C-alpha atoms as a PDB file:
ATOM      1  CA  UNK A   1      99.223  93.234 102.358  1.00  0.00           C
ATOM      2  CA  UNK A   2     101.568  91.125 100.236  1.00  0.00           C
ATOM      3  CA  UNK A   3     101.244  90.733  96.483  1.00  0.00           C
ATOM      4  CA  UNK A   4     103.794  88.396  94.959  1.00  0.00           C
ATOM      5  CA  UNK A   5     103.962  87.344  91.196  1.00  0.00           C
ATOM      6  CA  UNK A   6     107.144  85.646  90.385  1.00  0.00           C
ATOM      7  CA  UNK A   7     108.761  83.247  87.753  1.00  0.00           C
ATOM      8  CA  UNK A   8     111.939  81.348  88.986  1.00  0.00           C
ATOM      9  CA  UNK A   9     113.800  78.338  87.153  1.00  0.00           C
ATOM     10  CA  UNK A  10     114.963  76.153  89.707  1.00  0.00           C
ATOM     11  CA  UNK A  11     117.250  73.079  89.463  1.00  0.00           C
ATOM     12  CA  UNK A  12     116.112  70.126  91.748  1.00  0.00           C
ATOM     13  CA  UNK A  13     116.955  66.626  92.302  1.00  0.00           C
ATOM     14  CA  UNK A  14     114.578  65.418  89.553  1.00  0.00           C
ATOM     15  CA  UNK A  15     115.861  68.209  86.982  1.00  0.00           C
ATOM     16  CA  UNK A  16     114.524  71.558  86.085  1.00  0.00           C
ATOM     17  CA  UNK A  17     111.341  73.194  87.725  1.00  0.00           C
ATOM     18  CA  UNK A  18     109.488  76.455  86.805  1.00  0.00           C
ATOM     19  CA  UNK A  19     108.397  78.356  90.005  1.00  0.00           C
ATOM     20  CA  UNK A  20     105.473  80.199  89.087  1.00  0.00           C
ATOM     21  CA  UNK A  21     103.719  81.659  91.746  1.00  0.00           C
ATOM     22  CA  UNK A  22     100.797  84.595  92.487  1.00  0.00           C
ATOM     23  CA  UNK A  23     100.187  85.132  95.967  1.00  0.00           C
ATOM     24  CA  UNK A  24      98.227  87.604  97.796  1.00  0.00           C
ATOM     25  CA  UNK A  25      98.573  87.477 101.660  1.00  0.00           C
ATOM     26  CA  UNK A  26      96.348  89.937 103.987  1.00  0.00           C
ATOM     27  CA  UNK A  27      98.203  92.126 106.646  1.00  0.00           C
ATOM     28  CA  UNK A  28      98.366  90.147 109.791  1.00  0.00           C
ATOM     29  CA  UNK A  29      97.600  86.461 108.327  1.00  0.00           C
ATOM     30  CA  UNK A  30      99.653  83.533 109.488  1.00  0.00           C
ATOM     31  CA  UNK A  31     100.140  81.495 106.040  1.00  0.00           C
ATOM     32  CA  UNK A  32     101.820  78.183 105.762  1.00  0.00           C
ATOM     33  CA  UNK A  33     103.268  76.857 102.467  1.00  0.00           C
ATOM     34  CA  UNK A  34     102.796  73.224 102.377  1.00  0.00           C
ATOM     35  CA  UNK A  35     103.982  70.738  99.966  1.00  0.00           C
ATOM     36  CA  UNK A  36     106.723  68.053  99.085  1.00  0.00           C
ATOM     37  CA  UNK A  37     110.431  68.488  99.203  1.00  0.00           C
ATOM     38  CA  UNK A  38     111.440  70.412  96.106  1.00  0.00           C
ATOM     39  CA  UNK A  39     108.007  72.073  95.622  1.00  0.00           C
ATOM     40  CA  UNK A  40     109.414  75.480  95.773  1.00  0.00           C
ATOM     41  CA  UNK A  41     108.670  76.478  99.395  1.00  0.00           C
ATOM     42  CA  UNK A  42     111.838  77.623 100.536  1.00  0.00           C
ATOM     43  CA  UNK A  43     112.503  79.379  97.278  1.00  0.00           C
ATOM     44  CA  UNK A  44     109.549  81.659  97.633  1.00  0.00           C
ATOM     45  CA  UNK A  45     110.789  82.708 101.002  1.00  0.00           C
ATOM     46  CA  UNK A  46     114.361  83.486  99.753  1.00  0.00           C
ATOM     47  CA  UNK A  47     112.663  85.409  96.787  1.00  0.00           C
ATOM     48  CA  UNK A  48     110.425  87.377  99.188  1.00  0.00           C
ATOM     49  CA  UNK A  49     113.565  88.144 101.534  1.00  0.00           C
ATOM     50  CA  UNK A  50     115.685  89.158  98.924  1.00  0.00           C
ATOM     51  CA  UNK A  51     118.285  86.445  99.161  1.00  0.00           C
ATOM     52  CA  UNK A  52     117.073  84.963  95.587  1.00  0.00           C
ATOM     53  CA  UNK A  53     116.429  86.799  92.344  1.00  0.00           C
ATOM     54  CA  UNK A  54     113.646  85.596  90.248  1.00  0.00           C
ATOM     55  CA  UNK A  55     114.044  86.079  86.049  1.00  0.00           C
ATOM     56  CA  UNK A  56     110.590  87.925  86.254  1.00  0.00           C
ATOM     57  CA  UNK A  57     108.362  89.146  88.852  1.00  0.00           C
ATOM     58  CA  UNK A  58     106.851  91.893  90.991  1.00  0.00           C
ATOM     59  CA  UNK A  59     106.532  91.952  94.866  1.00  0.00           C
ATOM     60  CA  UNK A  60     104.511  94.670  96.563  1.00  0.00           C
ATOM     61  CA  UNK A  61     104.360  95.143 100.504  1.00  0.00           C
ATOM     62  CA  UNK A  62     101.707  97.420 101.872  1.00  0.00           C
ATOM     63  CA  UNK A  63     101.948  99.506  98.700  1.00  0.00           C
ATOM     64  CA  UNK A  64     105.733  99.690  98.536  1.00  0.00           C
ATOM     65  CA  UNK A  65     107.794  97.907  95.566  1.00  0.00           C
ATOM     66  CA  UNK A  66     110.271  95.419  96.706  1.00  0.00           C
ATOM     67  CA  UNK A  67     110.764  93.846  93.222  1.00  0.00           C
ATOM     68  CA  UNK A  68     109.969  94.826  89.592  1.00  0.00           C
ATOM     69  CA  UNK A  69     112.206  93.082  87.291  1.00  0.00           C
ATOM     70  CA  UNK A  70     110.597  95.245  84.277  1.00  0.00           C
ATOM     71  CA  UNK A  71     111.353  98.415  85.950  1.00  0.00           C
ATOM     72  CA  UNK A  72     114.953  97.161  87.208  1.00  0.00           C
ATOM     73  CA  UNK A  73     113.794  97.304  90.947  1.00  0.00           C
ATOM     74  CA  UNK A  74     115.280  95.181  93.404  1.00  0.00           C
ATOM     75  CA  UNK A  75     115.509  96.289  97.061  1.00  0.00           C
ATOM     76  CA  UNK A  76     118.167  94.809  99.073  1.00  0.00           C
ATOM     77  CA  UNK A  77     117.467  92.118 101.678  1.00  0.00           C
ATOM     78  CA  UNK A  78     119.009  94.439 104.213  1.00  0.00           C
ATOM     79  CA  UNK A  79     116.307  97.048 103.632  1.00  0.00           C
ATOM     80  CA  UNK A  80     113.243  94.813 103.580  1.00  0.00           C
ATOM     81  CA  UNK A  81     111.273  94.935 106.837  1.00  0.00           C
ATOM     82  CA  UNK A  82     111.720  90.937 107.164  1.00  0.00           C
ATOM     83  CA  UNK A  83     112.817  88.300 110.114  1.00  0.00           C
ATOM     84  CA  UNK A  84     113.877  85.227 108.905  1.00  0.00           C
ATOM     85  CA  UNK A  85     114.239  82.082 111.121  1.00  0.00           C
ATOM     86  CA  UNK A  86     116.181  79.354 109.438  1.00  0.00           C
ATOM     87  CA  UNK A  87     116.030  75.458 110.171  1.00  0.00           C
ATOM     88  CA  UNK A  88     119.604  75.283 111.257  1.00  0.00           C
ATOM     89  CA  UNK A  89     119.155  78.424 113.666  1.00  0.00           C
ATOM     90  CA  UNK A  90     122.116  80.291 112.104  1.00  0.00           C
ATOM     91  CA  UNK A  91     123.681  81.711 115.561  1.00  0.00           C
ATOM     92  CA  UNK A  92     127.108  83.065 115.866  1.00  0.00           C
ATOM     93  CA  UNK A  93     128.858  80.360 118.033  1.00  0.00           C
ATOM     94  CA  UNK A  94     131.318  82.823 119.421  1.00  0.00           C
ATOM     95  CA  UNK A  95     128.844  85.206 120.712  1.00  0.00           C
ATOM     96  CA  UNK A  96     126.361  85.019 123.830  1.00  0.00           C
ATOM     97  CA  UNK A  97     122.667  85.011 123.432  1.00  0.00           C
ATOM     98  CA  UNK A  98     122.594  88.603 124.193  1.00  0.00           C
ATOM     99  CA  UNK A  99     125.425  89.430 121.700  1.00  0.00           C
ATOM    100  CA  UNK A 100     123.735  87.560 119.019  1.00  0.00           C
ATOM    101  CA  UNK A 101     120.694  89.800 119.387  1.00  0.00           C
ATOM    102  CA  UNK A 102     122.755  92.894 119.772  1.00  0.00           C
ATOM    103  CA  UNK A 103     124.589  92.015 116.538  1.00  0.00           C
ATOM    104  CA  UNK A 104     121.166  92.039 114.643  1.00  0.00           C
ATOM    105  CA  UNK A 105     120.401  95.714 115.651  1.00  0.00           C
ATOM    106  CA  UNK A 106     120.759  98.696 113.278  1.00  0.00           C
ATOM    107  CA  UNK A 107     122.951 101.613 114.216  1.00  0.00           C
ATOM    108  CA  UNK A 108     120.236 103.896 115.069  1.00  0.00           C
ATOM    109  CA  UNK A 109     118.049 101.365 117.207  1.00  0.00           C
ATOM    110  CA  UNK A 110     117.478 101.330 120.858  1.00  0.00           C
ATOM    111  CA  UNK A 111     119.082  98.482 122.657  1.00  0.00           C
ATOM    112  CA  UNK A 112     116.187  98.436 124.924  1.00  0.00           C
ATOM    113  CA  UNK A 113     114.308  96.120 122.224  1.00  0.00           C
ATOM    114  CA  UNK A 114     116.923  93.376 122.734  1.00  0.00           C
ATOM    115  CA  UNK A 115     116.096  93.314 126.845  1.00  0.00           C
ATOM    116  CA  UNK A 116     112.534  93.304 125.724  1.00  0.00           C
ATOM    117  CA  UNK A 117     112.882  90.173 123.464  1.00  0.00           C
ATOM    118  CA  UNK A 118     114.957  88.444 125.922  1.00  0.00           C
ATOM    119  CA  UNK A 119     112.067  88.612 128.410  1.00  0.00           C
ATOM    120  CA  UNK A 120     109.291  87.734 125.744  1.00  0.00           C
ATOM    121  CA  UNK A 121     111.064  84.432 124.957  1.00  0.00           C
ATOM    122  CA  UNK A 122     112.064  83.783 128.278  1.00  0.00           C
ATOM    123  CA  UNK A 123     115.951  83.746 127.790  1.00  0.00           C
ATOM    124  CA  UNK A 124     116.919  85.994 130.825  1.00  0.00           C
ATOM    125  CA  UNK A 125     118.649  83.293 132.472  1.00  0.00           C
ATOM    126  CA  UNK A 126     120.578  82.092 129.334  1.00  0.00           C
ATOM    127  CA  UNK A 127     121.312  85.385 127.862  1.00  0.00           C
ATOM    128  CA  UNK A 128     125.077  85.262 128.813  1.00  0.00           C
ATOM    129  CA  UNK A 129     125.475  81.519 127.525  1.00  0.00           C
ATOM    130  CA  UNK A 130     127.064  80.668 124.219  1.00  0.00           C
ATOM    131  CA  UNK A 131     124.718  78.662 121.630  1.00  0.00           C
ATOM    132  CA  UNK A 132     126.752  75.318 121.964  1.00  0.00           C
ATOM    133  CA  UNK A 133     125.597  75.329 125.617  1.00  0.00           C
ATOM    134  CA  UNK A 134     121.920  75.399 124.878  1.00  0.00           C
ATOM    135  CA  UNK A 135     119.293  73.104 123.748  1.00  0.00           C
ATOM    136  CA  UNK A 136     117.784  72.935 120.327  1.00  0.00           C
ATOM    137  CA  UNK A 137     114.714  74.514 121.734  1.00  0.00           C
ATOM    138  CA  UNK A 138     116.579  77.258 123.404  1.00  0.00           C
ATOM    139  CA  UNK A 139     118.603  77.964 120.326  1.00  0.00           C
ATOM    140  CA  UNK A 140     115.455  78.512 118.424  1.00  0.00           C
ATOM    141  CA  UNK A 141     113.975  80.871 120.837  1.00  0.00           C
ATOM    142  CA  UNK A 142     117.223  82.748 120.247  1.00  0.00           C
ATOM    143  CA  UNK A 143     116.947  82.708 116.670  1.00  0.00           C
ATOM    144  CA  UNK A 144     113.318  83.681 116.670  1.00  0.00           C
ATOM    145  CA  UNK A 145     114.060  86.557 118.958  1.00  0.00           C
ATOM    146  CA  UNK A 146     117.051  87.764 116.842  1.00  0.00           C
ATOM    147  CA  UNK A 147     114.544  87.599 113.776  1.00  0.00           C
ATOM    148  CA  UNK A 148     112.654  90.011 115.646  1.00  0.00           C
ATOM    149  CA  UNK A 149     115.203  92.752 116.783  1.00  0.00           C
ATOM    150  CA  UNK A 150     114.749  95.128 113.624  1.00  0.00           C
ATOM    151  CA  UNK A 151     111.205  95.125 114.274  1.00  0.00           C
ATOM    152  CA  UNK A 152     110.057  93.160 111.126  1.00  0.00           C
ATOM    153  CA  UNK A 153     106.565  93.562 109.218  1.00  0.00           C
ATOM    154  CA  UNK A 154     107.078  89.989 107.958  1.00  0.00           C
ATOM    155  CA  UNK A 155     108.194  86.910 109.864  1.00  0.00           C
ATOM    156  CA  UNK A 156     109.232  83.966 107.450  1.00  0.00           C
ATOM    157  CA  UNK A 157     109.936  80.586 109.352  1.00  0.00           C
ATOM    158  CA  UNK A 158     111.574  77.796 107.269  1.00  0.00           C
ATOM    159  CA  UNK A 159     110.710  74.676 109.163  1.00  0.00           C
ATOM    160  CA  UNK A 160     111.942  76.152 112.372  1.00  0.00           C
ATOM    161  CA  UNK A 161     110.534  73.162 114.585  1.00  0.00           C
ATOM    162  CA  UNK A 162     110.925  70.137 112.635  1.00  0.00           C
ATOM    163  CA  UNK A 163     114.097  68.869 114.209  1.00  0.00           C
ATOM    164  CA  UNK A 164     112.772  69.293 117.901  1.00  0.00           C
ATOM    165  CA  UNK A 165     110.983  66.785 119.987  1.00  0.00           C
ATOM    166  CA  UNK A 166     107.334  66.886 120.444  1.00  0.00           C
ATOM    167  CA  UNK A 167     107.201  68.482 123.846  1.00  0.00           C
ATOM    168  CA  UNK A 168     109.407  71.491 122.916  1.00  0.00           C
ATOM    169  CA  UNK A 169     107.780  71.702 119.593  1.00  0.00           C
ATOM    170  CA  UNK A 170     104.443  72.384 121.198  1.00  0.00           C
ATOM    171  CA  UNK A 171     105.742  74.932 123.375  1.00  0.00           C
ATOM    172  CA  UNK A 172     107.441  76.626 120.624  1.00  0.00           C
ATOM    173  CA  UNK A 173     104.350  76.501 118.698  1.00  0.00           C
ATOM    174  CA  UNK A 174     102.673  78.565 121.389  1.00  0.00           C
ATOM    175  CA  UNK A 175     105.655  81.077 121.327  1.00  0.00           C
ATOM    176  CA  UNK A 176     105.132  81.638 117.465  1.00  0.00           C
ATOM    177  CA  UNK A 177     101.415  82.509 118.240  1.00  0.00           C
ATOM    178  CA  UNK A 178     102.009  84.908 121.054  1.00  0.00           C
ATOM    179  CA  UNK A 179     104.768  86.647 119.020  1.00  0.00           C
ATOM    180  CA  UNK A 180     102.805  86.785 115.756  1.00  0.00           C
ATOM    181  CA  UNK A 181      99.731  88.303 117.586  1.00  0.00           C
ATOM    182  CA  UNK A 182     101.754  90.544 119.951  1.00  0.00           C
ATOM    183  CA  UNK A 183     104.083  92.241 117.393  1.00  0.00           C
ATOM    184  CA  UNK A 184     101.207  92.234 114.812  1.00  0.00           C
ATOM    185  CA  UNK A 185     103.211  90.434 112.343  1.00  0.00           C
ATOM    186  CA  UNK A 186     102.270  88.934 109.088  1.00  0.00           C
ATOM    187  CA  UNK A 187     103.896  85.303 109.125  1.00  0.00           C
ATOM    188  CA  UNK A 188     104.889  82.687 106.351  1.00  0.00           C
ATOM    189  CA  UNK A 189     105.792  79.362 107.719  1.00  0.00           C
ATOM    190  CA  UNK A 190     106.965  76.334 105.732  1.00  0.00           C
ATOM    191  CA  UNK A 191     105.969  73.153 107.446  1.00  0.00           C
ATOM    192  CA  UNK A 192     105.254  69.524 106.505  1.00  0.00           C
ATOM    193  CA  UNK A 193     103.253  68.863 109.894  1.00  0.00           C
ATOM    194  CA  UNK A 194      99.611  69.113 109.467  1.00  0.00           C
ATOM    195  CA  UNK A 195      98.809  69.267 113.249  1.00  0.00           C
ATOM    196  CA  UNK A 196     101.372  72.058 113.422  1.00  0.00           C
ATOM    197  CA  UNK A 197      99.539  73.935 110.560  1.00  0.00           C
ATOM    198  CA  UNK A 198      96.049  73.298 111.618  1.00  0.00           C
ATOM    199  CA  UNK A 199      97.213  74.737 114.884  1.00  0.00           C
ATOM    200  CA  UNK A 200      99.101  77.907 113.756  1.00  0.00           C
ATOM    201  CA  UNK A 201      97.679  78.868 110.534  1.00  0.00           C
ATOM    202  CA  UNK A 202      94.900  80.901 109.007  1.00  0.00           C
ATOM    203  CA  UNK A 203      95.459  80.247 105.675  1.00  0.00           C
ATOM    204  CA  UNK A 204      97.650  77.296 103.651  1.00  0.00           C
ATOM    205  CA  UNK A 205      98.930  77.338 100.152  1.00  0.00           C
ATOM    206  CA  UNK A 206      99.955  74.003  98.807  1.00  0.00           C
ATOM    207  CA  UNK A 207     102.592  73.980  96.203  1.00  0.00           C
ATOM    208  CA  UNK A 208     103.072  71.348  93.766  1.00  0.00           C
ATOM    209  CA  UNK A 209     105.841  71.418  91.145  1.00  0.00           C
ATOM    210  CA  UNK A 210     106.294  75.183  91.239  1.00  0.00           C
ATOM    211  CA  UNK A 211     102.609  76.099  91.215  1.00  0.00           C
ATOM    212  CA  UNK A 212      99.641  76.425  93.403  1.00  0.00           C
ATOM    213  CA  UNK A 213      97.788  73.365  93.634  1.00  0.00           C
ATOM    214  CA  UNK A 214      95.100  74.721  96.282  1.00  0.00           C
ATOM    215  CA  UNK A 215      94.599  77.126  99.231  1.00  0.00           C
ATOM    216  CA  UNK A 216      92.239  77.789 101.837  1.00  0.00           C
ATOM    217  CA  UNK A 217      91.898  77.304 105.585  1.00  0.00           C
ATOM    218  CA  UNK A 218      93.760  74.214 107.059  1.00  0.00           C
ATOM    219  CA  UNK A 219      90.261  72.440 107.252  1.00  0.00           C
ATOM    220  CA  UNK A 220      89.338  73.350 103.787  1.00  0.00           C
ATOM    221  CA  UNK A 221      92.707  72.326 102.487  1.00  0.00           C
ATOM    222  CA  UNK A 222      93.357  69.019 104.331  1.00  0.00           C
ATOM    223  CA  UNK A 223      89.785  67.435 104.257  1.00  0.00           C
ATOM    224  CA  UNK A 224      88.171  69.434 101.425  1.00  0.00           C
ATOM    225  CA  UNK A 225      85.224  70.377 103.493  1.00  0.00           C
ATOM    226  CA  UNK A 226      84.040  72.634 106.106  1.00  0.00           C
ATOM    227  CA  UNK A 227      83.194  71.468 109.324  1.00  0.00           C
ATOM    228  CA  UNK A 228      80.846  73.025 112.201  1.00  0.00           C
ATOM    229  CA  UNK A 229      81.995  70.832 115.140  1.00  0.00           C
ATOM    230  CA  UNK A 230      82.164  72.481 118.562  1.00  0.00           C
ATOM    231  CA  UNK A 231      85.722  71.576 118.704  1.00  0.00           C
ATOM    232  CA  UNK A 232      88.517  69.977 116.335  1.00  0.00           C
ATOM    233  CA  UNK A 233      91.524  68.012 116.868  1.00  0.00           C
ATOM    234  CA  UNK A 234      94.254  66.769 114.622  1.00  0.00           C
ATOM    235  CA  UNK A 235      96.323  63.617 115.032  1.00  0.00           C
ATOM    236  CA  UNK A 236      97.821  60.344 113.709  1.00  0.00           C
ATOM    237  CA  UNK A 237      96.278  57.018 113.827  1.00  0.00           C
ATOM    238  CA  UNK A 238      98.210  54.677 115.757  1.00  0.00           C
ATOM    239  CA  UNK A 239      96.021  51.699 115.981  1.00  0.00           C
ATOM    240  CA  UNK A 240      92.712  50.162 114.689  1.00  0.00           C
ATOM    241  CA  UNK A 241      91.118  47.319 116.600  1.00  0.00           C
ATOM    242  CA  UNK A 242      87.752  45.511 116.234  1.00  0.00           C
ATOM    243  CA  UNK A 243      86.034  45.220 119.586  1.00  0.00           C
ATOM    244  CA  UNK A 244      82.840  43.774 120.599  1.00  0.00           C
ATOM    245  CA  UNK A 245      80.985  46.960 120.487  1.00  0.00           C
ATOM    246  CA  UNK A 246      82.649  47.980 117.181  1.00  0.00           C
ATOM    247  CA  UNK A 247      85.886  49.469 115.817  1.00  0.00           C
ATOM    248  CA  UNK A 248      88.071  51.597 117.893  1.00  0.00           C
ATOM    249  CA  UNK A 249      90.831  53.972 116.718  1.00  0.00           C
ATOM    250  CA  UNK A 250      93.622  54.937 118.753  1.00  0.00           C
ATOM    251  CA  UNK A 251      94.891  58.386 117.834  1.00  0.00           C
ATOM    252  CA  UNK A 252      97.887  60.362 119.025  1.00  0.00           C
ATOM    253  CA  UNK A 253      96.936  64.116 119.249  1.00  0.00           C
ATOM    254  CA  UNK A 254      99.998  66.106 120.135  1.00  0.00           C
ATOM    255  CA  UNK A 255     101.243  64.012 123.046  1.00  0.00           C
ATOM    256  CA  UNK A 256      98.336  62.687 124.232  1.00  0.00           C
ATOM    257  CA  UNK A 257      96.547  59.269 123.083  1.00  0.00           C
ATOM    258  CA  UNK A 258      92.718  59.263 122.559  1.00  0.00           C
ATOM    259  CA  UNK A 259      90.462  56.341 121.415  1.00  0.00           C
ATOM    260  CA  UNK A 260      87.650  56.978 119.142  1.00  0.00           C
ATOM    261  CA  UNK A 261      84.989  54.913 117.745  1.00  0.00           C
ATOM    262  CA  UNK A 262      84.463  54.446 114.126  1.00  0.00           C
ATOM    263  CA  UNK A 263      82.320  52.543 111.857  1.00  0.00           C
ATOM    264  CA  UNK A 264      83.228  49.668 109.747  1.00  0.00           C
ATOM    265  CA  UNK A 265      83.581  51.700 106.453  1.00  0.00           C
ATOM    266  CA  UNK A 266      85.928  54.153 108.272  1.00  0.00           C
ATOM    267  CA  UNK A 267      88.070  51.112 109.471  1.00  0.00           C
ATOM    268  CA  UNK A 268      88.627  49.990 106.339  1.00  0.00           C
ATOM    269  CA  UNK A 269      89.328  53.545 104.619  1.00  0.00           C
ATOM    270  CA  UNK A 270      91.689  54.700 107.179  1.00  0.00           C
ATOM    271  CA  UNK A 271      95.463  53.265 107.697  1.00  0.00           C
ATOM    272  CA  UNK A 272      97.886  53.384 110.539  1.00  0.00           C
ATOM    273  CA  UNK A 273      99.943  56.250 110.232  1.00  0.00           C
ATOM    274  CA  UNK A 274      97.627  58.631 108.592  1.00  0.00           C
ATOM    275  CA  UNK A 275      96.796  62.091 109.853  1.00  0.00           C
ATOM    276  CA  UNK A 276      93.255  62.763 110.699  1.00  0.00           C
ATOM    277  CA  UNK A 277      91.108  65.757 112.025  1.00  0.00           C
ATOM    278  CA  UNK A 278      88.481  64.597 114.842  1.00  0.00           C
ATOM    279  CA  UNK A 279      85.587  67.163 115.008  1.00  0.00           C
ATOM    280  CA  UNK A 280      82.623  66.953 117.617  1.00  0.00           C
ATOM    281  CA  UNK A 281      78.899  67.930 117.348  1.00  0.00           C
ATOM    282  CA  UNK A 282      77.060  67.447 120.539  1.00  0.00           C
ATOM    283  CA  UNK A 283      79.841  65.639 122.228  1.00  0.00           C
ATOM    284  CA  UNK A 284      79.814  62.737 119.416  1.00  0.00           C
ATOM    285  CA  UNK A 285      83.524  62.681 117.603  1.00  0.00           C
ATOM    286  CA  UNK A 286      83.197  62.400 113.924  1.00  0.00           C
ATOM    287  CA  UNK A 287      86.502  61.533 112.140  1.00  0.00           C
ATOM    288  CA  UNK A 288      87.582  63.169 108.924  1.00  0.00           C
ATOM    289  CA  UNK A 289      90.489  61.787 106.845  1.00  0.00           C
ATOM    290  CA  UNK A 290      92.904  64.505 105.810  1.00  0.00           C
ATOM    291  CA  UNK A 291      93.717  64.748 102.262  1.00  0.00           C
ATOM    292  CA  UNK A 292      97.494  65.689 102.299  1.00  0.00           C
ATOM    293  CA  UNK A 293      98.252  65.684  98.562  1.00  0.00           C
END
């Protein structure tokens, strides 16, 4: 369990902003922080990790106090059981893949964890290569493995997949889910990709101007209603056409195009480029508009 109650004054592009958050995250949850740039998402991760100090606040993790500004407690980042994956990977260019992972080991750790992680994220054939010889997706797998070397309780992910193409991004999403479950982590992700959030997250926290605008399951947050369909898919509208039989929406779901029949009201309400969720009841697809802000 993570209990976080913090206040931090931040300087953004539009001036001063007060980050005031009270979050309660269950152990083992996969939580996403969502919101516009400058809403306080990355700052929240940095405060939790110990890389940024709030003016006031308290952080409890599984009963242990990591931060209490009133009592003068501020556990150093190195002593917090956290793995952090940055957007820019932050790998050492002069070290091989294996050396990057070994560098993250504590003095008393068994090096076997490095071999285990190399196998888990399928880096065996790449372990003797340096980062500049790897693709973006391969570098991200190295960064993910390195974050897990010290066997953290919490995994922080700051838009780790945003710079990757769709095919690699989808594969790495599967890796993230696998590692989250296999290592029994509590994972906090920063993401702007609604499809990614819907696939990975148990819970979504929407930040606006340093505060929590709303929170809930991905479905509840983005379409403001519960769905009881047999399946759900998230995608982006590419085209809306009027045909003899009615209106057809062409939707990009991951890297697949799907055509869905919609009524005239939906055709007027929906726009090209909008994110939607498709649910189905008894094999009849139903489109729900995503409320992203």
